[in-house]
């Protein structure tokens, strides 16, 4: 009888381990699915933002220089800005990583040209 009870206990432990393994597998699968969905959304959001930004040729920008309704903002990273010999006269320098803090201070009725190269 002790052997039978031991066998039953071992069988029950194996069943519990199997159930725990199945639960962990399901949780990992769900976690991976959520991660995949978030990554996909982030990828599409980034692509959507990139599509909204229009580019203009430098000749068109040159024609805009001096127009009081056009504000040119230099958003090059620090070392690129410091090391550059070429800067647009009258451009405002803003740090790109701090865009959330400076983006709202500008007048919505003007045209803004941001450049980073």
C-alpha atoms as a PDB file:
ATOM      1  CA  UNK A   1       0.000   0.000   0.000  1.00  0.00           C
ATOM      2  CA  UNK A   2       2.903   2.384   0.722  1.00  0.00           C
ATOM      3  CA  UNK A   3       4.262   1.745  -2.780  1.00  0.00           C
ATOM      4  CA  UNK A   4       0.892   2.571  -4.329  1.00  0.00           C
ATOM      5  CA  UNK A   5       0.610   5.793  -2.324  1.00  0.00           C
ATOM      6  CA  UNK A   6       4.175   6.771  -3.276  1.00  0.00           C
ATOM      7  CA  UNK A   7       3.381   6.071  -6.944  1.00  0.00           C
ATOM      8  CA  UNK A   8       0.198   8.162  -6.718  1.00  0.00           C
ATOM      9  CA  UNK A   9       2.058  11.016  -5.017  1.00  0.00           C
ATOM     10  CA  UNK A  10       4.767  10.967  -7.706  1.00  0.00           C
ATOM     11  CA  UNK A  11       2.106  10.861 -10.415  1.00  0.00           C
ATOM     12  CA  UNK A  12       0.305  13.813  -8.820  1.00  0.00           C
ATOM     13  CA  UNK A  13       3.579  15.772  -8.609  1.00  0.00           C
ATOM     14  CA  UNK A  14       4.271  15.064 -12.302  1.00  0.00           C
ATOM     15  CA  UNK A  15       0.767  16.251 -13.183  1.00  0.00           C
ATOM     16  CA  UNK A  16       1.230  19.457 -11.169  1.00  0.00           C
ATOM     17  CA  UNK A  17       4.616  20.096 -12.792  1.00  0.00           C
ATOM     18  CA  UNK A  18       3.075  19.526 -16.212  1.00  0.00           C
ATOM     19  CA  UNK A  19       0.237  21.957 -15.433  1.00  0.00           C
ATOM     20  CA  UNK A  20       2.703  24.582 -14.136  1.00  0.00           C
ATOM     21  CA  UNK A  21       4.792  24.144 -17.289  1.00  0.00           C
ATOM     22  CA  UNK A  22       1.721  24.582 -19.473  1.00  0.00           C
ATOM     23  CA  UNK A  23       0.730  27.716 -17.564  1.00  0.00           C
ATOM     24  CA  UNK A  24       4.239  29.158 -17.915  1.00  0.00           C
ATOM     25  CA  UNK A  25       4.276  28.361 -21.623  1.00  0.00           C
ATOM     26  CA  UNK A  26       0.918  30.091 -22.066  1.00  0.00           C
ATOM     27  CA  UNK A  27       2.099  33.149 -20.093  1.00  0.00           C
ATOM     28  CA  UNK A  28       5.303  33.363 -22.142  1.00  0.00           C
ATOM     29  CA  UNK A  29       3.315  33.049 -25.335  1.00  0.00           C
ATOM     30  CA  UNK A  30       0.932  35.820 -24.258  1.00  0.00           C
ATOM     31  CA  UNK A  31       3.827  38.025 -23.163  1.00  0.00           C
ATOM     32  CA  UNK A  32       5.590  37.516 -26.477  1.00  0.00           C
ATOM     33  CA  UNK A  33       2.372  38.331 -28.348  1.00  0.00           C
ATOM     34  CA  UNK A  34       1.933  41.574 -26.401  1.00  0.00           C
ATOM     35  CA  UNK A  35       5.564  42.498 -27.035  1.00  0.00           C
ATOM     36  CA  UNK A  36       5.172  41.785 -30.739  1.00  0.00           C
ATOM     37  CA  UNK A  37       2.021  43.925 -30.957  1.00  0.00           C
ATOM     38  CA  UNK A  38       3.685  46.839 -29.135  1.00  0.00           C
ATOM     39  CA  UNK A  39       6.758  46.637 -31.361  1.00  0.00           C
ATOM     40  CA  UNK A  40       4.579  46.569 -34.491  1.00  0.00           C
ATOM     41  CA  UNK A  41       2.579  49.592 -33.337  1.00  0.00           C
ATOM     42  CA  UNK A  42       5.777  51.502 -32.544  1.00  0.00           C
ATOM     43  CA  UNK A  43       7.205  50.659 -35.964  1.00  0.00           C
ATOM     44  CA  UNK A  44       4.094  51.854 -37.789  1.00  0.00           C
ATOM     45  CA  UNK A  45       3.834  54.978 -35.621  1.00  0.00           C
ATOM     46  CA  UNK A  46       7.414  55.898 -36.426  1.00  0.00           C
ATOM     47  CA  UNK A  47       6.799  55.335 -40.132  1.00  0.00           C
ATOM     48  CA  UNK A  48       3.626  57.449 -39.997  1.00  0.00           C
ATOM     49  CA  UNK A  49       5.458  60.342 -38.360  1.00  0.00           C
ATOM     50  CA  UNK A  50       8.277  60.099 -40.884  1.00  0.00           C
ATOM     51  CA  UNK A  51       5.764  60.304 -43.742  1.00  0.00           C
ATOM     52  CA  UNK A  52       4.224  63.495 -42.330  1.00  0.00           C
ATOM     53  CA  UNK A  53       7.519  65.391 -42.449  1.00  0.00           C
ATOM     54  CA  UNK A  54       8.008  67.011 -45.806  1.00  0.00           C
ATOM     55  CA  UNK A  55      11.367  67.906 -47.277  1.00  0.00           C
ATOM     56  CA  UNK A  56      12.220  70.933 -49.314  1.00  0.00           C
ATOM     57  CA  UNK A  57      15.133  71.515 -51.661  1.00  0.00           C
ATOM     58  CA  UNK A  58      17.796  73.969 -50.506  1.00  0.00           C
ATOM     59  CA  UNK A  59      16.868  76.352 -53.344  1.00  0.00           C
ATOM     60  CA  UNK A  60      13.366  76.629 -51.909  1.00  0.00           C
ATOM     61  CA  UNK A  61      14.804  77.242 -48.439  1.00  0.00           C
ATOM     62  CA  UNK A  62      17.085  79.964 -49.808  1.00  0.00           C
ATOM     63  CA  UNK A  63      14.021  81.697 -51.255  1.00  0.00           C
ATOM     64  CA  UNK A  64      12.400  81.640 -47.795  1.00  0.00           C
ATOM     65  CA  UNK A  65      15.327  83.321 -46.021  1.00  0.00           C
ATOM     66  CA  UNK A  66      14.431  86.739 -44.717  1.00  0.00           C
ATOM     67  CA  UNK A  67      10.680  86.057 -44.712  1.00  0.00           C
ATOM     68  CA  UNK A  68       9.372  87.069 -41.254  1.00  0.00           C
ATOM     69  CA  UNK A  69       6.726  84.321 -41.413  1.00  0.00           C
ATOM     70  CA  UNK A  70       9.376  81.616 -41.743  1.00  0.00           C
ATOM     71  CA  UNK A  71      11.403  80.451 -38.754  1.00  0.00           C
ATOM     72  CA  UNK A  72      14.386  78.203 -39.320  1.00  0.00           C
ATOM     73  CA  UNK A  73      15.331  75.963 -36.422  1.00  0.00           C
ATOM     74  CA  UNK A  74      18.656  74.137 -36.323  1.00  0.00           C
ATOM     75  CA  UNK A  75      18.094  70.837 -34.505  1.00  0.00           C
ATOM     76  CA  UNK A  76      21.454  69.222 -35.099  1.00  0.00           C
ATOM     77  CA  UNK A  77      22.909  67.367 -32.127  1.00  0.00           C
ATOM     78  CA  UNK A  78      25.467  69.303 -30.089  1.00  0.00           C
ATOM     79  CA  UNK A  79      28.720  67.998 -31.553  1.00  0.00           C
ATOM     80  CA  UNK A  80      27.427  68.187 -35.140  1.00  0.00           C
ATOM     81  CA  UNK A  81      26.295  71.759 -34.592  1.00  0.00           C
ATOM     82  CA  UNK A  82      29.504  72.815 -32.824  1.00  0.00           C
ATOM     83  CA  UNK A  83      31.797  71.196 -35.399  1.00  0.00           C
ATOM     84  CA  UNK A  84      29.958  72.572 -38.412  1.00  0.00           C
ATOM     85  CA  UNK A  85      31.363  75.551 -40.275  1.00  0.00           C
ATOM     86  CA  UNK A  86      28.025  75.909 -42.075  1.00  0.00           C
ATOM     87  CA  UNK A  87      25.184  77.528 -40.197  1.00  0.00           C
ATOM     88  CA  UNK A  88      22.131  79.259 -41.613  1.00  0.00           C
ATOM     89  CA  UNK A  89      22.178  82.922 -40.684  1.00  0.00           C
ATOM     90  CA  UNK A  90      19.227  83.772 -38.449  1.00  0.00           C
ATOM     91  CA  UNK A  91      18.439  80.154 -37.596  1.00  0.00           C
ATOM     92  CA  UNK A  92      17.433  79.401 -34.038  1.00  0.00           C
ATOM     93  CA  UNK A  93      19.364  76.638 -32.307  1.00  0.00           C
ATOM     94  CA  UNK A  94      17.250  74.148 -30.346  1.00  0.00           C
ATOM     95  CA  UNK A  95      18.293  70.854 -28.777  1.00  0.00           C
ATOM     96  CA  UNK A  96      16.473  68.000 -30.504  1.00  0.00           C
ATOM     97  CA  UNK A  97      16.187  65.886 -27.353  1.00  0.00           C
ATOM     98  CA  UNK A  98      14.324  68.714 -25.619  1.00  0.00           C
ATOM     99  CA  UNK A  99      11.733  69.231 -28.370  1.00  0.00           C
ATOM    100  CA  UNK A 100       8.850  68.653 -25.961  1.00  0.00           C
ATOM    101  CA  UNK A 101       9.955  71.627 -23.891  1.00  0.00           C
ATOM    102  CA  UNK A 102      10.450  74.104 -26.759  1.00  0.00           C
ATOM    103  CA  UNK A 103       7.974  73.009 -29.448  1.00  0.00           C
ATOM    104  CA  UNK A 104       5.007  74.800 -27.899  1.00  0.00           C
ATOM    105  CA  UNK A 105       6.674  78.180 -27.462  1.00  0.00           C
ATOM    106  CA  UNK A 106       6.484  79.017 -31.157  1.00  0.00           C
ATOM    107  CA  UNK A 107       3.661  80.847 -32.936  1.00  0.00           C
ATOM    108  CA  UNK A 108       1.331  78.471 -34.824  1.00  0.00           C
ATOM    109  CA  UNK A 109       0.789  81.065 -37.552  1.00  0.00           C
ATOM    110  CA  UNK A 110       4.342  80.808 -38.885  1.00  0.00           C
ATOM    111  CA  UNK A 111       6.079  78.283 -41.085  1.00  0.00           C
ATOM    112  CA  UNK A 112       8.877  76.363 -39.406  1.00  0.00           C
ATOM    113  CA  UNK A 113      11.783  74.714 -41.131  1.00  0.00           C
ATOM    114  CA  UNK A 114      13.793  72.330 -38.984  1.00  0.00           C
ATOM    115  CA  UNK A 115      17.096  71.123 -40.276  1.00  0.00           C
ATOM    116  CA  UNK A 116      19.470  68.551 -38.929  1.00  0.00           C
ATOM    117  CA  UNK A 117      22.193  68.213 -41.557  1.00  0.00           C
END
